[in-house]
Amino acid sequence: MKRLLVPALAAVVAAGLIGLLAYGLVSKSDDTSIEQAVARGERPAAPSLKLPVLGGRGVHSVADLRGKVVVLNFWASWCIPCKSEAPMLEKAQQRLQQTGAGTVIGVTYDDSTPDALQFVRDFNVRYPNVRDVGTKLASRYGTHRVPETFVIDQQGRIVDLHRGQIDQAFIDRALAKAIG
């Protein structure tokens, strides 16, 4: 009886460890549900949280901007591609402001406030920025890396997104979809 108990117990422990490993691998995968919905031509509702304004008072949320187009950009001061796309986002902000269609909102991702404020100064960023403390909003968008950009229409639905550094073609295409 003892001879059977030890191998059986070892098999159960091994199966449990393999199960935990498989669960860990699956649970760490990227959330692609938003991409899949947009690729199918759907416009999923944009997640929203009230987040503190970077270096200021008050809060902003996507839900507060219903009726406006929102270009939501997750970024960090330590992110090299974020530095490259900041001028393009600033141009998009100017375009949206001139037409009254909407705004760009920057969302800091796993960044310190002093470093993020320095980034805003260095790149002359004038669009609003909020702090995503604990990356709570980022996780709702399936964001695990930066930069990532989501374009949201006037009804609060995601019309396009890009995970990685954006280019002007993406901005033009996404804003055309959002503004309609």
Protein backbone atom coordinates (compact mmCIF):
# COMPACT_ATOMS: atom_id res chain seq x y z
CA MET A 1 0.00 0.00 0.00
CA LYS A 2 2.79 2.46 0.91
CA ARG A 3 4.51 1.67 -2.40
CA LEU A 4 1.43 2.88 -4.32
CA LEU A 5 0.78 5.92 -2.15
CA VAL A 6 4.10 7.69 -2.83
CA PRO A 7 3.95 7.48 -6.66
CA ALA A 8 0.25 8.44 -6.64
CA LEU A 9 0.95 11.43 -4.41
CA ALA A 10 3.88 12.47 -6.62
CA ALA A 11 1.64 12.23 -9.72
CA VAL A 12 -1.03 14.43 -8.09
CA VAL A 13 1.55 17.03 -7.06
CA ALA A 14 3.10 17.02 -10.55
CA ALA A 15 -0.32 17.42 -12.20
CA GLY A 16 -1.10 20.31 -9.85
CA LEU A 17 2.17 22.06 -10.71
CA ILE A 18 1.57 21.61 -14.44
CA GLY A 19 -1.95 23.02 -13.99
CA LEU A 20 -0.60 26.07 -12.15
CA LEU A 21 2.02 26.63 -14.84
CA ALA A 22 -0.62 26.46 -17.59
CA TYR A 23 -2.89 28.86 -15.69
CA GLY A 24 -0.01 31.28 -15.18
CA LEU A 25 0.85 31.29 -18.87
CA VAL A 26 -2.76 31.81 -19.96
CA SER A 27 -3.49 34.52 -17.40
CA LYS A 28 -0.42 36.54 -18.47
CA SER A 29 -1.42 36.63 -22.14
CA ASP A 30 -2.45 39.90 -23.73
CA ASP A 31 -6.12 40.81 -23.68
CA THR A 32 -7.03 41.15 -27.34
CA SER A 33 -10.80 41.35 -26.98
CA ILE A 34 -10.92 45.05 -27.93
CA GLU A 35 -8.77 44.44 -31.05
CA GLN A 36 -10.93 41.50 -32.07
CA ALA A 37 -14.13 43.51 -31.70
CA VAL A 38 -12.75 46.46 -33.69
CA ALA A 39 -11.42 44.08 -36.38
CA ARG A 40 -14.96 42.65 -36.73
CA GLY A 41 -16.22 46.18 -37.37
CA GLU A 42 -17.74 46.52 -33.91
CA ARG A 43 -17.33 49.61 -31.77
CA PRO A 44 -16.94 48.42 -28.17
CA ALA A 45 -17.68 50.82 -25.32
CA ALA A 46 -14.58 52.63 -24.09
CA PRO A 47 -13.73 51.82 -20.48
CA SER A 48 -13.63 54.88 -18.25
CA LEU A 49 -12.34 55.82 -14.82
CA LYS A 50 -11.97 59.19 -13.16
CA LEU A 51 -8.23 59.78 -12.96
CA PRO A 52 -6.27 62.61 -11.34
CA VAL A 53 -4.93 65.34 -13.60
CA LEU A 54 -1.15 65.11 -13.98
CA GLY A 55 0.43 67.95 -12.00
CA GLY A 56 -2.89 69.64 -11.30
CA ARG A 57 -6.16 69.46 -9.49
CA GLY A 58 -9.30 67.67 -10.47
CA VAL A 59 -10.01 64.56 -12.48
CA HIS A 60 -10.77 63.62 -16.08
CA SER A 61 -12.53 60.62 -17.56
CA VAL A 62 -13.48 59.46 -21.03
CA ALA A 63 -17.12 59.30 -19.94
CA ASP A 64 -17.05 63.03 -19.14
CA LEU A 65 -16.17 63.70 -22.79
CA ARG A 66 -19.18 61.99 -24.35
CA GLY A 67 -20.10 63.97 -27.45
CA LYS A 68 -16.44 64.58 -28.31
CA VAL A 69 -13.85 62.48 -30.12
CA VAL A 70 -11.09 61.32 -27.77
CA VAL A 71 -7.62 60.12 -28.74
CA LEU A 72 -6.55 58.23 -25.61
CA ASN A 73 -2.81 57.60 -25.49
CA PHE A 74 -1.07 55.51 -22.82
CA TRP A 75 2.54 56.66 -22.45
CA ALA A 76 5.51 56.87 -20.07
CA SER A 77 8.48 59.19 -19.81
CA TRP A 78 10.89 56.26 -20.07
CA CYS A 79 9.30 55.03 -23.34
CA ILE A 80 11.41 55.87 -26.42
CA PRO A 81 8.55 55.46 -28.98
CA CYS A 82 6.36 57.69 -26.77
CA LYS A 83 8.88 60.49 -27.29
CA SER A 84 8.70 60.03 -31.05
CA GLU A 85 4.91 60.16 -31.22
CA ALA A 86 4.35 63.09 -28.82
CA PRO A 87 4.65 65.76 -31.57
CA MET A 88 2.13 63.86 -33.73
CA LEU A 89 -0.33 63.69 -30.83
CA GLU A 90 0.15 67.42 -30.25
CA LYS A 91 -0.76 68.06 -33.91
CA ALA A 92 -3.84 65.86 -33.52
CA GLN A 93 -4.80 67.91 -30.46
CA GLN A 94 -4.50 71.15 -32.42
CA ARG A 95 -6.62 69.70 -35.23
CA LEU A 96 -9.31 68.50 -32.82
CA GLN A 97 -9.35 71.80 -30.94
CA GLN A 98 -9.59 73.90 -34.12
CA THR A 99 -12.64 71.97 -35.30
CA GLY A 100 -14.13 71.58 -31.82
CA ALA A 101 -14.39 67.84 -32.47
CA GLY A 102 -12.54 66.58 -29.42
CA THR A 103 -9.27 66.18 -27.58
CA VAL A 104 -6.22 64.03 -27.03
CA ILE A 105 -5.82 62.70 -23.50
CA GLY A 106 -2.50 61.30 -22.36
CA VAL A 107 -2.52 58.61 -19.67
CA THR A 108 0.69 57.96 -17.77
CA TYR A 109 1.59 54.31 -17.44
CA ASP A 110 3.72 53.12 -14.53
CA ASP A 111 5.53 56.45 -14.31
CA SER A 112 6.51 58.84 -11.54
CA THR A 113 4.81 62.22 -11.47
CA PRO A 114 8.07 64.25 -11.61
CA ASP A 115 9.33 62.25 -14.62
CA ALA A 116 5.96 62.52 -16.38
CA LEU A 117 5.84 66.28 -15.79
CA GLN A 118 9.36 66.63 -17.19
CA PHE A 119 8.27 64.70 -20.31
CA VAL A 120 5.31 67.10 -20.76
CA ARG A 121 7.69 70.09 -20.50
CA ASP A 122 10.38 68.58 -22.74
CA PHE A 123 7.92 67.78 -25.54
CA ASN A 124 5.72 70.84 -25.12
CA VAL A 125 2.65 68.65 -24.59
CA ARG A 126 -0.42 70.85 -24.20
CA TYR A 127 -3.17 68.26 -24.31
CA PRO A 128 -4.57 67.06 -20.96
CA ASN A 129 -2.79 64.25 -19.16
CA VAL A 130 -3.94 62.07 -16.28
CA ARG A 131 -2.19 59.70 -13.91
CA ASP A 132 -3.23 56.05 -14.06
CA VAL A 133 -2.17 55.11 -10.56
CA GLY A 134 -1.81 51.34 -10.36
CA THR A 135 -2.50 51.06 -14.13
CA LYS A 136 -6.19 50.43 -13.38
CA LEU A 137 -7.45 52.09 -16.56
CA ALA A 138 -4.70 50.49 -18.65
CA SER A 139 -5.77 47.03 -17.53
CA ARG A 140 -9.35 47.76 -18.66
CA TYR A 141 -7.96 48.45 -22.14
CA GLY A 142 -5.71 45.38 -22.07
CA THR A 143 -2.66 47.64 -22.04
CA HIS A 144 0.56 46.04 -20.80
CA ARG A 145 3.11 48.01 -22.84
CA VAL A 146 3.40 51.55 -24.11
CA PRO A 147 2.67 53.38 -26.24
CA GLU A 148 -0.90 52.37 -27.01
CA THR A 149 -3.53 54.61 -28.57
CA PHE A 150 -7.32 54.27 -28.69
CA VAL A 151 -9.58 56.52 -30.74
CA ILE A 152 -13.05 56.95 -29.29
CA ASP A 153 -16.07 58.40 -31.11
CA GLN A 154 -18.66 60.89 -29.81
CA GLN A 155 -20.79 58.03 -28.45
CA GLY A 156 -17.94 56.73 -26.29
CA ARG A 157 -17.10 53.75 -28.50
CA ILE A 158 -13.64 52.63 -29.62
CA VAL A 159 -13.36 52.98 -33.40
CA ASP A 160 -9.67 52.24 -33.84
CA LEU A 161 -6.57 51.40 -31.83
CA HIS A 162 -2.88 50.85 -32.21
CA ARG A 163 -0.61 49.00 -29.82
CA GLY A 164 2.82 50.47 -30.44
CA GLN A 165 4.08 53.72 -31.91
CA ILE A 166 1.49 55.46 -34.09
CA ASP A 167 2.10 57.19 -37.40
CA GLN A 168 0.26 59.96 -39.22
CA ALA A 169 -1.63 57.47 -41.41
CA PHE A 170 -3.13 55.85 -38.31
CA ILE A 171 -4.20 59.22 -36.86
CA ASP A 172 -5.77 60.32 -40.14
CA ARG A 173 -7.63 57.03 -40.64
CA ALA A 174 -8.81 56.75 -37.04
CA LEU A 175 -10.00 60.34 -36.79
CA ALA A 176 -11.90 59.96 -40.08
CA LYS A 177 -13.70 56.94 -38.57
CA ALA A 178 -14.42 58.74 -35.31
CA ILE A 179 -15.59 62.02 -36.78
CA GLY A 180 -17.48 60.19 -39.51
